[in-house]
Amino acid sequence: MPAPTLPVLVFDGDCAFCSSSVRFAQRWIRRMPPVVPYQQMDLEVLGLTPAQCETAVQYVARDHRVYAAEDGVSALLLAAGRGWWLLGALMRVPGIHWLSGVVYRWVARNRHRLPGGTAACEMPLPEDSRVE
């Protein structure tokens, strides 16, 4: 696979909720970077692992810095310019940053229950919590 153009947003392409969210962002954010499902990406080139990508969206900036979860969303919005940068900056304010993390993790855990979500969207359980 060729090296991706940076910046790039890497997401779970098997998750219908994630795919719907990406399409929404592509429709509304003019300066949207390339978006690639992690299943179709050479993650090693970006310094990412499948486990990281299964857990959260990953934004790899031009300088190769990796931002995950709510920090990835914030970095994406900051780079998007226009009014989006304000929302991205707001997400970095202490207190709001904490709250955006809580919201991101709740959405990630419940994405299979949200509009557009399917059973394929369900997050895998950590290895030590699986019932055998």
Protein backbone atom coordinates (compact mmCIF):
# COMPACT_ATOMS: atom_id res chain seq x y z
CA MET A 1 0.00 0.00 0.00
CA PRO A 2 1.26 3.50 -0.75
CA ALA A 3 2.01 5.81 2.17
CA PRO A 4 -1.04 7.91 3.05
CA THR A 5 -1.18 11.63 2.50
CA LEU A 6 -0.99 13.52 5.78
CA PRO A 7 -2.99 14.61 7.61
CA VAL A 8 -5.27 11.57 7.62
CA LEU A 9 -8.19 10.44 9.75
CA VAL A 10 -8.22 6.70 10.46
CA PHE A 11 -11.48 5.14 11.63
CA ASP A 12 -13.24 1.79 12.05
CA GLY A 13 -14.65 1.05 8.61
CA ASP A 14 -16.60 -1.97 9.89
CA CYS A 15 -18.69 0.26 12.16
CA ALA A 16 -21.79 1.69 10.49
CA PHE A 17 -22.07 4.46 13.11
CA CYS A 18 -18.44 5.49 12.51
CA SER A 19 -18.93 5.41 8.74
CA SER A 20 -22.06 7.58 9.07
CA SER A 21 -20.18 10.03 11.29
CA VAL A 22 -17.35 10.28 8.75
CA ARG A 23 -19.82 10.92 5.90
CA PHE A 24 -21.46 13.66 8.00
CA ALA A 25 -18.07 15.29 8.62
CA GLN A 26 -17.11 15.02 4.94
CA ARG A 27 -20.38 16.72 3.99
CA TRP A 28 -20.01 19.63 6.43
CA ILE A 29 -16.26 20.19 6.90
CA ARG A 30 -14.77 21.80 3.81
CA ARG A 31 -11.13 21.16 4.67
CA MET A 32 -11.62 17.53 5.61
CA PRO A 33 -8.42 15.47 5.34
CA PRO A 34 -8.38 12.10 3.63
CA VAL A 35 -10.32 9.54 5.65
CA VAL A 36 -9.37 5.87 5.55
CA PRO A 37 -10.76 2.82 7.33
CA TYR A 38 -7.99 1.26 9.40
CA GLN A 39 -8.81 -2.10 7.82
CA GLN A 40 -7.54 -0.73 4.47
CA MET A 41 -4.46 1.02 5.84
CA ASP A 42 -0.86 0.03 6.42
CA LEU A 43 -1.02 1.05 10.07
CA GLU A 44 2.67 0.40 10.71
CA VAL A 45 3.60 3.27 8.36
CA LEU A 46 1.62 5.61 10.62
CA GLY A 47 2.90 4.08 13.86
CA LEU A 48 -0.57 2.76 14.72
CA THR A 49 -1.84 -0.64 15.80
CA PRO A 50 -5.18 -2.32 15.09
CA ALA A 51 -5.95 -2.20 18.84
CA GLN A 52 -5.57 1.59 18.87
CA CYS A 53 -7.85 1.93 15.86
CA GLU A 54 -10.48 -0.44 17.25
CA THR A 55 -10.63 1.68 20.40
CA ALA A 56 -10.75 5.21 18.94
CA VAL A 57 -10.53 7.35 15.84
CA GLN A 58 -6.92 8.34 15.04
CA TYR A 59 -5.88 11.65 13.47
CA VAL A 60 -2.33 11.73 12.13
CA ALA A 61 -1.18 15.31 11.56
CA ARG A 62 1.25 16.57 8.91
CA ASP A 63 4.06 16.40 11.48
CA HIS A 64 3.20 12.70 12.11
CA ARG A 65 1.85 13.41 15.60
CA VAL A 66 -1.00 11.06 16.44
CA TYR A 67 -4.12 12.27 18.22
CA ALA A 68 -6.68 9.72 19.39
CA ALA A 69 -10.34 9.85 20.45
CA GLU A 70 -11.53 13.32 21.52
CA ASP A 71 -8.02 14.72 20.92
CA GLY A 72 -8.22 13.42 17.34
CA VAL A 73 -11.59 15.09 16.83
CA SER A 74 -10.22 18.32 18.31
CA ALA A 75 -7.10 18.23 16.09
CA LEU A 76 -9.26 17.59 13.03
CA LEU A 77 -11.51 20.55 13.87
CA LEU A 78 -8.54 22.85 14.56
CA ALA A 79 -7.08 21.98 11.15
CA ALA A 80 -10.45 22.43 9.43
CA GLY A 81 -10.33 26.22 9.79
CA ARG A 82 -13.39 28.46 9.42
CA GLY A 83 -15.70 28.16 12.41
CA TRP A 84 -14.62 24.58 13.10
CA TRP A 85 -11.30 25.66 14.69
CA LEU A 86 -13.24 27.40 17.45
CA LEU A 87 -15.01 24.17 18.39
CA GLY A 88 -11.67 22.31 18.25
CA ALA A 89 -10.03 24.91 20.50
CA LEU A 90 -12.96 24.79 22.90
CA MET A 91 -12.57 21.03 23.18
CA ARG A 92 -9.05 21.62 24.56
CA VAL A 93 -10.10 23.91 27.39
CA PRO A 94 -9.66 22.18 30.77
CA GLY A 95 -12.98 20.94 32.04
CA ILE A 96 -14.45 20.90 28.54
CA HIS A 97 -11.60 18.61 27.46
CA TRP A 98 -12.44 16.26 30.33
CA LEU A 99 -16.15 16.35 29.43
CA SER A 100 -15.45 15.74 25.73
CA GLY A 101 -13.46 12.65 26.76
CA VAL A 102 -16.36 11.36 28.84
CA VAL A 103 -18.75 11.93 25.93
CA TYR A 104 -16.37 10.34 23.40
CA ARG A 105 -15.91 7.22 25.53
CA TRP A 106 -19.67 6.93 26.13
CA VAL A 107 -20.38 7.20 22.40
CA ALA A 108 -17.63 4.68 21.60
CA ARG A 109 -19.01 2.15 24.10
CA ASN A 110 -22.59 2.63 22.89
CA ARG A 111 -22.10 3.20 19.16
CA HIS A 112 -23.91 -0.04 18.34
CA ARG A 113 -27.01 1.39 20.06
CA LEU A 114 -26.91 4.82 18.40
CA PRO A 115 -28.69 5.79 15.15
CA GLY A 116 -26.95 4.10 12.25
CA GLY A 117 -25.20 1.63 14.54
CA THR A 118 -25.34 -2.14 14.08
CA ALA A 119 -24.13 -5.17 16.03
CA ALA A 120 -20.85 -4.91 14.05
CA CYS A 121 -20.26 -1.55 15.77
CA GLU A 122 -20.00 -3.06 19.24
CA MET A 123 -16.63 -2.50 20.87
CA PRO A 124 -14.67 -5.64 21.73
CA LEU A 125 -14.40 -6.35 25.45
CA PRO A 126 -10.95 -6.12 27.02
CA GLU A 127 -9.29 -9.55 27.14
CA ASP A 128 -9.48 -9.80 30.95
CA SER A 129 -13.25 -9.19 31.06
CA ARG A 130 -14.31 -11.89 28.61
CA VAL A 131 -16.49 -14.65 29.97
CA GLU A 132 -15.42 -18.11 28.85
